[in-house]
Amino acid sequence: MLRQYLEEGRVEAGCDEAGRGCLAGPVFAAAVILPVDYRNEMLDDSKKLTERQREKLRPVIERDALAWAVGVVTAQEIDRINILNASFLAMHRAIAGLSVSPDFLLIDGNRFKPYPGISHLCIVKGDGKMMSIAAASILAKTHRDEYMRKIYEEYPQYGWNVNKGYPTKLHRGAIAEYGVTPYHRRSFRLLDTQLSLF
């Protein structure tokens, strides 16, 4: 089982993002504070779980957490501030949305822009080590997937219900054929041979 906390007695929030490498859609992040001595054998890095397992865990995490929140940064904002800064901003928005103020932040990855007034630690592959980060990774991923399924109905030709905005062959083929949508990240390399898309 993953570690429940780094320091006993401290209110720790795990943070993770989803959708950094996508060509379309926002980047989502989640922050989660779990109860002391929380146990859930199923909790793991969201990438190691099936979509069904993630969807099953989402309401359990949302019910059991002391606090949780999701932050979103749009494709337009990503184009304006770049994807790294957008990932940090999404995490900041998630942290700001928590109903309980954490004493410490556990951040998945190796870089983070400090959140005002709260210390943090970056943990590489933290979603496979810390329970709160794993919970955050599941919420970020499932909330983003839900959003991509919703906008798929608006633009079905891009296959976002399946690829979730990632650069699959189908997705790139649709961009080549139909051009870009308001949900595409125009600062990204949308085609292998970048055409005049705009």
Protein backbone atom coordinates (compact mmCIF):
# COMPACT_ATOMS: atom_id res chain seq x y z
CA MET A 1 0.00 0.00 0.00
CA LEU A 2 1.13 3.59 -0.62
CA ARG A 3 2.39 5.84 2.17
CA GLN A 4 -0.32 7.73 4.03
CA TYR A 5 1.80 10.76 4.96
CA LEU A 6 5.35 12.07 5.14
CA GLU A 7 5.03 13.54 8.62
CA GLU A 8 2.55 12.35 11.22
CA GLY A 9 0.17 14.96 12.61
CA ARG A 10 0.62 17.33 9.67
CA VAL A 11 -2.26 18.15 7.31
CA GLU A 12 -0.82 17.22 3.92
CA ALA A 13 -2.48 17.78 0.55
CA GLY A 14 -1.43 15.68 -2.42
CA CYS A 15 -1.45 17.44 -5.82
CA ASP A 16 -1.27 16.14 -9.37
CA GLU A 17 -2.27 17.22 -12.87
CA ALA A 18 -3.68 15.54 -15.98
CA GLY A 19 -3.53 16.44 -19.65
CA ARG A 20 -0.15 18.09 -19.99
CA GLY A 21 0.75 16.30 -23.21
CA CYS A 22 -2.61 16.77 -24.94
CA LEU A 23 -3.18 18.74 -28.12
CA ALA A 24 -6.67 19.80 -27.08
CA GLY A 25 -8.61 20.63 -23.94
CA PRO A 26 -7.63 22.19 -20.63
CA VAL A 27 -5.07 20.92 -18.16
CA PHE A 28 -6.74 19.74 -14.94
CA ALA A 29 -5.20 19.42 -11.48
CA ALA A 30 -6.53 18.11 -8.19
CA ALA A 31 -5.59 18.59 -4.56
CA VAL A 32 -6.67 16.02 -1.96
CA ILE A 33 -6.42 15.86 1.82
CA LEU A 34 -7.13 12.37 3.14
CA PRO A 35 -8.11 11.48 6.72
CA VAL A 36 -5.44 10.33 9.18
CA ASP A 37 -4.78 6.57 8.84
CA TYR A 38 -6.88 6.38 5.68
CA ARG A 39 -6.70 3.00 3.96
CA ASN A 40 -7.73 1.99 0.46
CA GLU A 41 -5.94 -0.94 -1.16
CA MET A 42 -7.09 0.10 -4.65
CA LEU A 43 -5.47 3.53 -4.58
CA ASP A 44 -2.56 3.76 -7.02
CA ASP A 45 -1.08 5.91 -9.75
CA SER A 46 -4.01 6.65 -12.09
CA LYS A 47 -1.94 5.51 -15.09
CA LYS A 48 -1.69 2.01 -13.59
CA LEU A 49 -5.47 1.74 -13.23
CA THR A 50 -8.09 1.02 -15.87
CA GLU A 51 -10.63 3.67 -16.77
CA ARG A 52 -13.30 1.63 -14.97
CA GLN A 53 -11.18 1.41 -11.81
CA ARG A 54 -10.55 5.16 -11.86
CA GLU A 55 -14.24 5.93 -12.33
CA LYS A 56 -15.10 3.57 -9.46
CA LEU A 57 -12.54 5.22 -7.16
CA ARG A 58 -13.53 8.82 -7.93
CA PRO A 59 -16.76 8.93 -5.83
CA VAL A 60 -15.03 6.99 -3.03
CA ILE A 61 -12.19 9.55 -2.86
CA GLU A 62 -14.61 12.48 -3.07
CA ARG A 63 -16.72 10.98 -0.26
CA ASP A 64 -13.85 9.97 2.03
CA ALA A 65 -11.47 12.93 1.63
CA LEU A 66 -11.32 15.60 4.33
CA ALA A 67 -11.15 18.04 1.43
CA TRP A 68 -10.66 17.90 -2.33
CA ALA A 69 -10.77 20.38 -5.20
CA VAL A 70 -10.08 20.50 -8.92
CA GLY A 71 -8.38 23.36 -10.80
CA VAL A 72 -8.70 23.96 -14.55
CA VAL A 73 -6.61 26.01 -17.00
CA THR A 74 -8.04 26.43 -20.51
CA ALA A 75 -6.32 25.90 -23.86
CA GLN A 76 -6.28 29.69 -24.39
CA GLU A 77 -4.54 30.22 -21.06
CA ILE A 78 -2.06 27.44 -21.89
CA ASP A 79 -1.22 29.20 -25.17
CA ARG A 80 -0.68 32.44 -23.28
CA ILE A 81 1.49 31.23 -20.37
CA ASN A 82 2.85 27.84 -21.65
CA ILE A 83 1.99 24.34 -20.43
CA LEU A 84 4.44 24.22 -17.52
CA ASN A 85 3.11 27.42 -15.98
CA ALA A 86 -0.44 26.28 -16.77
CA SER A 87 0.16 23.05 -14.83
CA PHE A 88 1.37 25.04 -11.83
CA LEU A 89 -1.61 27.41 -12.12
CA ALA A 90 -4.08 24.49 -12.26
CA MET A 91 -2.54 23.09 -9.07
CA HIS A 92 -2.70 26.51 -7.40
CA ARG A 93 -6.37 26.79 -8.33
CA ALA A 94 -7.04 23.34 -6.89
CA ILE A 95 -5.21 24.19 -3.64
CA ALA A 96 -7.11 27.49 -3.38
CA GLY A 97 -10.38 25.54 -3.73
CA LEU A 98 -9.75 23.28 -0.72
CA SER A 99 -12.22 23.72 2.15
CA VAL A 100 -9.46 22.76 4.62
CA SER A 101 -6.17 24.66 4.54
CA PRO A 102 -3.22 22.22 4.41
CA ASP A 103 0.01 22.63 6.37
CA PHE A 104 2.10 21.09 3.60
CA LEU A 105 1.85 20.18 -0.10
CA LEU A 106 3.03 16.96 -1.72
CA ILE A 107 3.53 17.69 -5.42
CA ASP A 108 3.84 15.01 -8.10
CA GLY A 109 6.88 15.66 -10.30
CA ASN A 110 10.15 17.53 -9.98
CA ARG A 111 9.10 21.18 -10.36
CA PHE A 112 6.54 23.48 -8.78
CA LYS A 113 5.93 27.17 -8.33
CA PRO A 114 5.63 27.70 -4.55
CA TYR A 115 2.10 28.31 -3.30
CA PRO A 116 1.95 31.39 -1.05
CA GLY A 117 2.20 30.54 2.63
CA ILE A 118 2.42 26.74 2.30
CA SER A 119 5.65 24.74 2.06
CA HIS A 120 5.88 21.89 -0.43
CA LEU A 121 7.94 18.92 -1.52
CA CYS A 122 8.18 17.67 -5.12
CA ILE A 123 8.16 13.87 -5.38
CA VAL A 124 9.08 12.26 -8.69
CA LYS A 125 6.49 9.56 -9.49
CA GLY A 126 4.75 10.60 -6.30
CA ASP A 127 1.44 9.23 -7.58
CA GLY A 128 2.94 5.75 -7.15
CA LYS A 129 4.35 6.52 -3.66
CA MET A 130 1.94 8.73 -1.70
CA MET A 131 -1.73 7.99 -1.16
CA SER A 132 -2.87 11.62 -1.34
CA ILE A 133 -1.03 12.23 -4.63
CA ALA A 134 -2.51 9.02 -6.09
CA ALA A 135 -5.98 10.22 -5.06
CA ALA A 136 -5.29 13.60 -6.69
CA SER A 137 -4.07 11.91 -9.88
CA ILE A 138 -7.33 9.92 -10.10
CA LEU A 139 -9.53 13.00 -9.57
CA ALA A 140 -7.58 15.10 -12.06
CA LYS A 141 -7.74 12.36 -14.68
CA THR A 142 -11.41 11.44 -14.23
CA HIS A 143 -12.62 15.05 -14.13
CA ARG A 144 -10.63 15.81 -17.28
CA ASP A 145 -11.86 12.68 -19.08
CA GLU A 146 -15.45 13.65 -18.24
CA TYR A 147 -14.85 17.11 -19.72
CA MET A 148 -13.32 15.67 -22.91
CA ARG A 149 -16.28 13.30 -23.38
CA LYS A 150 -18.58 16.31 -23.09
CA ILE A 151 -16.80 18.40 -25.73
CA TYR A 152 -16.50 15.31 -27.97
CA GLU A 153 -20.25 15.69 -28.54
CA GLU A 154 -19.54 19.13 -30.00
CA TYR A 155 -16.66 17.93 -32.22
CA PRO A 156 -17.02 14.14 -32.65
CA GLN A 157 -14.60 13.91 -35.61
CA TYR A 158 -11.57 14.31 -33.30
CA GLY A 159 -12.33 11.19 -31.24
CA TRP A 160 -11.88 12.89 -27.87
CA ASN A 161 -14.14 10.32 -26.21
CA VAL A 162 -11.34 7.81 -26.84
CA ASN A 163 -8.07 9.77 -27.15
CA LYS A 164 -9.02 12.47 -24.60
CA GLY A 165 -7.10 15.04 -26.67
CA TYR A 166 -3.78 13.18 -26.80
CA PRO A 167 -1.85 13.14 -30.11
CA THR A 168 -3.13 9.89 -31.64
CA LYS A 169 -3.09 9.14 -35.35
CA LEU A 170 -6.86 9.66 -35.54
CA HIS A 171 -6.63 12.99 -33.73
CA ARG A 172 -3.82 14.34 -35.93
CA GLY A 173 -5.64 13.08 -39.03
CA ALA A 174 -8.78 14.96 -38.01
CA ILE A 175 -6.75 18.14 -37.44
CA ALA A 176 -5.25 17.78 -40.92
CA GLU A 177 -8.72 17.26 -42.43
CA TYR A 178 -10.90 19.62 -40.40
CA GLY A 179 -8.46 22.15 -38.91
CA VAL A 180 -8.48 23.28 -35.30
CA THR A 181 -11.25 24.00 -32.80
CA PRO A 182 -11.43 26.56 -29.98
CA TYR A 183 -10.32 23.71 -27.68
CA HIS A 184 -7.00 23.08 -29.45
CA ARG A 185 -3.73 24.37 -28.01
CA ARG A 186 -2.41 26.48 -30.85
CA SER A 187 1.02 26.83 -29.25
CA PHE A 188 1.51 23.05 -29.56
CA ARG A 189 2.83 21.17 -32.57
CA LEU A 190 -0.55 19.93 -33.77
CA LEU A 191 0.73 18.14 -36.85
CA ASP A 192 4.01 16.34 -37.54
CA THR A 193 4.51 18.69 -40.47
CA GLN A 194 2.99 21.88 -39.14
CA LEU A 195 0.69 23.34 -41.76
CA SER A 196 -0.92 26.73 -41.85
CA LEU A 197 -3.84 25.71 -39.62
CA PHE A 198 -5.11 29.09 -38.58
